[in-house]
Amino acid sequence: MSEYGEENKKIIFSDTGKTHAEFKIKLQYDGISQGDFFRQVVSAYLDEDTDFMNFMHSLKDRLESQSKRQRDIVKKERKLAKKTEKDFTLTDSEVESIFDLLERETGI
């Protein structure tokens, strides 16, 4: 079970023995386990980490996995979503200021 009480699932894919061996060697050199590597890659993708998303855009270009028009639409939508989130997300100090103001107004 995971930390959220969910059943763990395996993500499996295959590649050549040579690629697998090179991958394992590089991971060992960097001191990272295979599981940690893939969990972090998946998290970066799901969290839309900026560096990872730049990699994804270039990957989609190379693989031509979407039409150029569709890739541009996705890029614009993500950019707009980030801007909207930034515009409406309060910083910790702003949240604290709101609570301070509420305290003064209610006398709590």
N, C-alpha and C. Protein backbone atom coordinates (compact mmCIF):
# COMPACT_ATOMS: atom_id res chain seq x y z
N MET A 1 0.84 -1.18 0.00
CA MET A 1 0.00 0.00 0.00
C MET A 1 0.89 1.25 0.00
N SER A 2 0.41 2.28 -0.65
CA SER A 2 1.13 3.54 -0.68
C SER A 2 0.78 4.37 0.54
N GLU A 3 1.40 5.55 0.65
CA GLU A 3 1.13 6.41 1.79
C GLU A 3 -0.32 6.91 1.79
N TYR A 4 -1.01 6.83 0.67
CA TYR A 4 -2.39 7.28 0.59
C TYR A 4 -3.37 6.11 0.72
N GLY A 5 -2.89 4.95 1.09
CA GLY A 5 -3.75 3.79 1.25
C GLY A 5 -4.14 3.16 -0.07
N GLU A 6 -3.49 3.56 -1.14
CA GLU A 6 -3.79 2.99 -2.45
C GLU A 6 -2.86 1.82 -2.73
N GLU A 7 -3.34 0.93 -3.56
CA GLU A 7 -2.54 -0.21 -3.98
C GLU A 7 -1.44 0.28 -4.93
N ASN A 8 -0.21 -0.18 -4.72
CA ASN A 8 0.88 0.19 -5.62
C ASN A 8 0.73 -0.56 -6.94
N LYS A 9 1.06 0.11 -8.01
CA LYS A 9 1.00 -0.48 -9.35
C LYS A 9 2.39 -0.44 -9.96
N LYS A 10 2.69 -1.41 -10.80
CA LYS A 10 3.98 -1.45 -11.50
C LYS A 10 3.82 -0.84 -12.88
N ILE A 11 4.85 -0.12 -13.29
CA ILE A 11 4.93 0.42 -14.64
C ILE A 11 6.07 -0.31 -15.31
N ILE A 12 5.76 -1.04 -16.36
CA ILE A 12 6.77 -1.90 -16.99
C ILE A 12 6.83 -1.61 -18.48
N PHE A 13 8.05 -1.59 -19.01
CA PHE A 13 8.26 -1.50 -20.45
C PHE A 13 9.52 -2.27 -20.78
N SER A 14 9.72 -2.54 -22.03
CA SER A 14 10.91 -3.31 -22.40
C SER A 14 11.79 -2.51 -23.34
N ASP A 15 13.06 -2.86 -23.35
CA ASP A 15 14.05 -2.25 -24.24
C ASP A 15 15.13 -3.30 -24.46
N THR A 16 16.15 -2.94 -25.20
CA THR A 16 17.21 -3.91 -25.49
C THR A 16 18.06 -4.16 -24.24
N GLY A 17 18.73 -5.30 -24.22
CA GLY A 17 19.63 -5.63 -23.12
C GLY A 17 20.76 -4.62 -23.00
N LYS A 18 21.26 -4.15 -24.14
CA LYS A 18 22.35 -3.17 -24.15
C LYS A 18 21.91 -1.87 -23.49
N THR A 19 20.72 -1.37 -23.87
CA THR A 19 20.20 -0.13 -23.28
C THR A 19 19.97 -0.30 -21.79
N HIS A 20 19.43 -1.45 -21.39
CA HIS A 20 19.18 -1.72 -19.98
C HIS A 20 20.48 -1.69 -19.19
N ALA A 21 21.51 -2.35 -19.72
CA ALA A 21 22.80 -2.39 -19.04
C ALA A 21 23.41 -0.98 -18.92
N GLU A 22 23.37 -0.21 -20.01
CA GLU A 22 23.91 1.15 -19.97
C GLU A 22 23.14 2.02 -18.97
N PHE A 23 21.84 1.84 -18.94
CA PHE A 23 20.99 2.59 -18.03
C PHE A 23 21.35 2.27 -16.58
N LYS A 24 21.46 0.98 -16.26
CA LYS A 24 21.79 0.56 -14.90
C LYS A 24 23.16 1.10 -14.48
N ILE A 25 24.12 1.08 -15.40
CA ILE A 25 25.47 1.58 -15.11
C ILE A 25 25.43 3.08 -14.81
N LYS A 26 24.72 3.84 -15.65
CA LYS A 26 24.61 5.29 -15.43
C LYS A 26 23.91 5.60 -14.11
N LEU A 27 22.84 4.87 -13.80
CA LEU A 27 22.14 5.08 -12.53
C LEU A 27 23.05 4.78 -11.35
N GLN A 28 23.81 3.69 -11.45
CA GLN A 28 24.72 3.33 -10.37
C GLN A 28 25.79 4.40 -10.19
N TYR A 29 26.30 4.92 -11.31
CA TYR A 29 27.31 5.98 -11.27
C TYR A 29 26.75 7.22 -10.56
N ASP A 30 25.48 7.53 -10.82
CA ASP A 30 24.84 8.70 -10.21
C ASP A 30 24.24 8.42 -8.84
N GLY A 31 24.30 7.15 -8.41
CA GLY A 31 23.81 6.79 -7.08
C GLY A 31 22.29 6.87 -6.94
N ILE A 32 21.59 6.56 -8.02
CA ILE A 32 20.12 6.62 -8.01
C ILE A 32 19.56 5.25 -8.37
N SER A 33 18.55 4.82 -7.62
CA SER A 33 17.92 3.54 -7.94
C SER A 33 16.98 3.72 -9.12
N GLN A 34 16.69 2.63 -9.80
CA GLN A 34 15.77 2.66 -10.93
C GLN A 34 14.40 3.16 -10.49
N GLY A 35 13.91 2.67 -9.37
CA GLY A 35 12.61 3.07 -8.86
C GLY A 35 12.55 4.57 -8.56
N ASP A 36 13.60 5.06 -7.87
CA ASP A 36 13.64 6.50 -7.56
C ASP A 36 13.67 7.33 -8.83
N PHE A 37 14.45 6.88 -9.80
CA PHE A 37 14.56 7.61 -11.07
C PHE A 37 13.18 7.75 -11.72
N PHE A 38 12.49 6.63 -11.88
CA PHE A 38 11.20 6.67 -12.57
C PHE A 38 10.13 7.39 -11.75
N ARG A 39 10.14 7.23 -10.43
CA ARG A 39 9.17 7.96 -9.60
C ARG A 39 9.38 9.46 -9.75
N GLN A 40 10.63 9.91 -9.78
CA GLN A 40 10.92 11.33 -9.92
C GLN A 40 10.56 11.85 -11.31
N VAL A 41 10.79 11.04 -12.34
CA VAL A 41 10.41 11.43 -13.70
C VAL A 41 8.90 11.59 -13.79
N VAL A 42 8.16 10.63 -13.25
CA VAL A 42 6.70 10.68 -13.28
C VAL A 42 6.21 11.90 -12.49
N SER A 43 6.79 12.14 -11.33
CA SER A 43 6.40 13.31 -10.52
C SER A 43 6.67 14.61 -11.27
N ALA A 44 7.83 14.71 -11.91
CA ALA A 44 8.17 15.93 -12.66
C ALA A 44 7.16 16.16 -13.78
N TYR A 45 6.74 15.09 -14.41
CA TYR A 45 5.75 15.19 -15.50
C TYR A 45 4.39 15.60 -14.96
N LEU A 46 3.94 14.94 -13.90
CA LEU A 46 2.63 15.25 -13.33
C LEU A 46 2.58 16.64 -12.72
N ASP A 47 3.70 17.08 -12.11
CA ASP A 47 3.78 18.41 -11.51
C ASP A 47 4.06 19.50 -12.54
N GLU A 48 4.27 19.08 -13.78
CA GLU A 48 4.60 19.98 -14.87
C GLU A 48 5.81 20.86 -14.55
N ASP A 49 6.86 20.20 -14.02
CA ASP A 49 8.12 20.87 -13.74
C ASP A 49 8.61 21.55 -15.01
N THR A 50 9.00 22.81 -14.91
CA THR A 50 9.37 23.61 -16.08
C THR A 50 10.45 22.95 -16.93
N ASP A 51 11.53 22.50 -16.29
CA ASP A 51 12.63 21.87 -17.04
C ASP A 51 12.15 20.60 -17.74
N PHE A 52 11.36 19.81 -17.01
CA PHE A 52 10.88 18.56 -17.60
C PHE A 52 9.93 18.84 -18.76
N MET A 53 9.08 19.85 -18.61
CA MET A 53 8.13 20.16 -19.69
C MET A 53 8.86 20.68 -20.92
N ASN A 54 9.97 21.39 -20.74
CA ASN A 54 10.79 21.79 -21.89
C ASN A 54 11.30 20.55 -22.63
N PHE A 55 11.75 19.56 -21.85
CA PHE A 55 12.19 18.30 -22.44
C PHE A 55 11.03 17.62 -23.18
N MET A 56 9.83 17.62 -22.57
CA MET A 56 8.66 16.99 -23.20
C MET A 56 8.31 17.67 -24.52
N HIS A 57 8.39 19.00 -24.56
CA HIS A 57 8.08 19.71 -25.81
C HIS A 57 9.06 19.32 -26.91
N SER A 58 10.34 19.25 -26.57
CA SER A 58 11.31 18.87 -27.60
C SER A 58 11.14 17.39 -27.98
N LEU A 59 10.76 16.55 -27.02
CA LEU A 59 10.51 15.14 -27.32
C LEU A 59 9.32 15.00 -28.27
N LYS A 60 8.24 15.73 -28.00
CA LYS A 60 7.08 15.67 -28.88
C LYS A 60 7.42 16.18 -30.28
N ASP A 61 8.28 17.18 -30.35
CA ASP A 61 8.73 17.67 -31.66
C ASP A 61 9.49 16.58 -32.41
N ARG A 62 10.44 15.94 -31.70
CA ARG A 62 11.26 14.89 -32.34
C ARG A 62 10.41 13.70 -32.76
N LEU A 63 9.49 13.29 -31.90
CA LEU A 63 8.65 12.11 -32.20
C LEU A 63 7.46 12.44 -33.09
N GLU A 64 7.22 13.73 -33.26
CA GLU A 64 6.05 14.19 -34.00
C GLU A 64 4.79 13.47 -33.49
N SER A 65 4.67 13.44 -32.15
CA SER A 65 3.57 12.70 -31.54
C SER A 65 2.23 13.44 -31.64
N GLN A 66 2.28 14.72 -31.93
CA GLN A 66 1.07 15.51 -32.17
C GLN A 66 1.36 16.38 -33.38
N SER A 67 0.31 16.89 -33.98
CA SER A 67 0.54 17.82 -35.09
C SER A 67 1.17 19.09 -34.51
N LYS A 68 1.87 19.81 -35.34
CA LYS A 68 2.51 21.06 -34.90
C LYS A 68 1.45 21.99 -34.30
N ARG A 69 0.30 22.08 -34.94
CA ARG A 69 -0.79 22.93 -34.47
C ARG A 69 -1.23 22.50 -33.07
N GLN A 70 -1.40 21.19 -32.88
CA GLN A 70 -1.85 20.69 -31.58
C GLN A 70 -0.79 20.93 -30.50
N ARG A 71 0.50 20.75 -30.85
CA ARG A 71 1.58 21.02 -29.89
C ARG A 71 1.57 22.48 -29.47
N ASP A 72 1.35 23.38 -30.43
CA ASP A 72 1.30 24.81 -30.13
C ASP A 72 0.12 25.14 -29.22
N ILE A 73 -1.02 24.51 -29.47
CA ILE A 73 -2.21 24.73 -28.63
C ILE A 73 -1.93 24.29 -27.20
N VAL A 74 -1.36 23.10 -27.04
CA VAL A 74 -1.05 22.57 -25.70
C VAL A 74 -0.08 23.50 -24.98
N LYS A 75 0.94 23.97 -25.70
CA LYS A 75 1.93 24.88 -25.12
C LYS A 75 1.26 26.16 -24.63
N LYS A 76 0.39 26.73 -25.46
CA LYS A 76 -0.31 27.97 -25.08
C LYS A 76 -1.23 27.74 -23.88
N GLU A 77 -1.93 26.60 -23.87
CA GLU A 77 -2.84 26.30 -22.76
C GLU A 77 -2.07 26.16 -21.45
N ARG A 78 -0.93 25.48 -21.50
CA ARG A 78 -0.12 25.32 -20.28
C ARG A 78 0.40 26.66 -19.80
N LYS A 79 0.84 27.49 -20.75
CA LYS A 79 1.36 28.82 -20.39
C LYS A 79 0.25 29.66 -19.74
N LEU A 80 -0.95 29.61 -20.31
CA LEU A 80 -2.08 30.35 -19.77
C LEU A 80 -2.46 29.83 -18.38
N ALA A 81 -2.44 28.51 -18.21
CA ALA A 81 -2.77 27.92 -16.92
C ALA A 81 -1.77 28.36 -15.85
N LYS A 82 -0.48 28.39 -16.19
CA LYS A 82 0.57 28.84 -15.26
C LYS A 82 0.35 30.29 -14.88
N LYS A 83 0.04 31.13 -15.89
CA LYS A 83 -0.18 32.55 -15.64
C LYS A 83 -1.39 32.75 -14.73
N THR A 84 -2.46 32.03 -15.01
CA THR A 84 -3.67 32.14 -14.20
C THR A 84 -3.39 31.71 -12.77
N GLU A 85 -2.67 30.60 -12.62
CA GLU A 85 -2.32 30.12 -11.28
C GLU A 85 -1.48 31.17 -10.54
N LYS A 86 -0.52 31.74 -11.24
CA LYS A 86 0.35 32.75 -10.64
C LYS A 86 -0.46 33.99 -10.24
N ASP A 87 -1.38 34.39 -11.10
CA ASP A 87 -2.19 35.58 -10.83
C ASP A 87 -3.10 35.40 -9.62
N PHE A 88 -3.59 34.18 -9.40
CA PHE A 88 -4.57 33.97 -8.35
C PHE A 88 -4.03 33.24 -7.12
N THR A 89 -2.77 32.86 -7.12
CA THR A 89 -2.20 32.18 -5.98
C THR A 89 -1.63 33.21 -5.02
N LEU A 90 -2.00 33.09 -3.76
CA LEU A 90 -1.50 34.00 -2.75
C LEU A 90 -0.19 33.48 -2.18
N THR A 91 0.72 34.40 -1.90
CA THR A 91 1.96 34.02 -1.25
C THR A 91 1.68 33.77 0.22
N ASP A 92 2.62 33.15 0.92
CA ASP A 92 2.45 32.90 2.35
C ASP A 92 2.25 34.20 3.12
N SER A 93 3.00 35.25 2.76
CA SER A 93 2.87 36.52 3.47
C SER A 93 1.51 37.16 3.20
N GLU A 94 0.98 36.99 1.99
CA GLU A 94 -0.36 37.53 1.69
C GLU A 94 -1.43 36.81 2.50
N VAL A 95 -1.31 35.50 2.62
CA VAL A 95 -2.27 34.72 3.42
C VAL A 95 -2.18 35.16 4.88
N GLU A 96 -0.96 35.34 5.37
CA GLU A 96 -0.76 35.77 6.76
C GLU A 96 -1.38 37.15 6.98
N SER A 97 -1.21 38.05 6.02
CA SER A 97 -1.78 39.40 6.12
C SER A 97 -3.31 39.33 6.18
N ILE A 98 -3.89 38.45 5.41
CA ILE A 98 -5.35 38.29 5.42
C ILE A 98 -5.81 37.82 6.80
N PHE A 99 -5.10 36.83 7.36
CA PHE A 99 -5.46 36.34 8.69
C PHE A 99 -5.27 37.43 9.75
N ASP A 100 -4.21 38.23 9.62
CA ASP A 100 -3.99 39.33 10.55
C ASP A 100 -5.14 40.33 10.47
N LEU A 101 -5.55 40.65 9.26
CA LEU A 101 -6.65 41.57 9.04
C LEU A 101 -7.95 41.03 9.64
N LEU A 102 -8.21 39.74 9.42
CA LEU A 102 -9.42 39.11 9.97
C LEU A 102 -9.38 39.13 11.51
N GLU A 103 -8.21 38.90 12.08
CA GLU A 103 -8.07 38.93 13.53
C GLU A 103 -8.42 40.31 14.07
N ARG A 104 -7.88 41.34 13.41
CA ARG A 104 -8.15 42.71 13.85
C ARG A 104 -9.63 43.06 13.71
N GLU A 105 -10.24 42.61 12.61
CA GLU A 105 -11.64 42.92 12.36
C GLU A 105 -12.57 42.21 13.34
N THR A 106 -12.26 40.96 13.65
CA THR A 106 -13.15 40.17 14.52
C THR A 106 -12.75 40.24 15.99
N GLY A 107 -11.56 40.74 16.27
CA GLY A 107 -11.09 40.86 17.64
C GLY A 107 -10.71 39.54 18.27
N ILE A 108 -10.41 38.55 17.47
CA ILE A 108 -10.03 37.22 17.97
C ILE A 108 -8.59 37.21 18.39
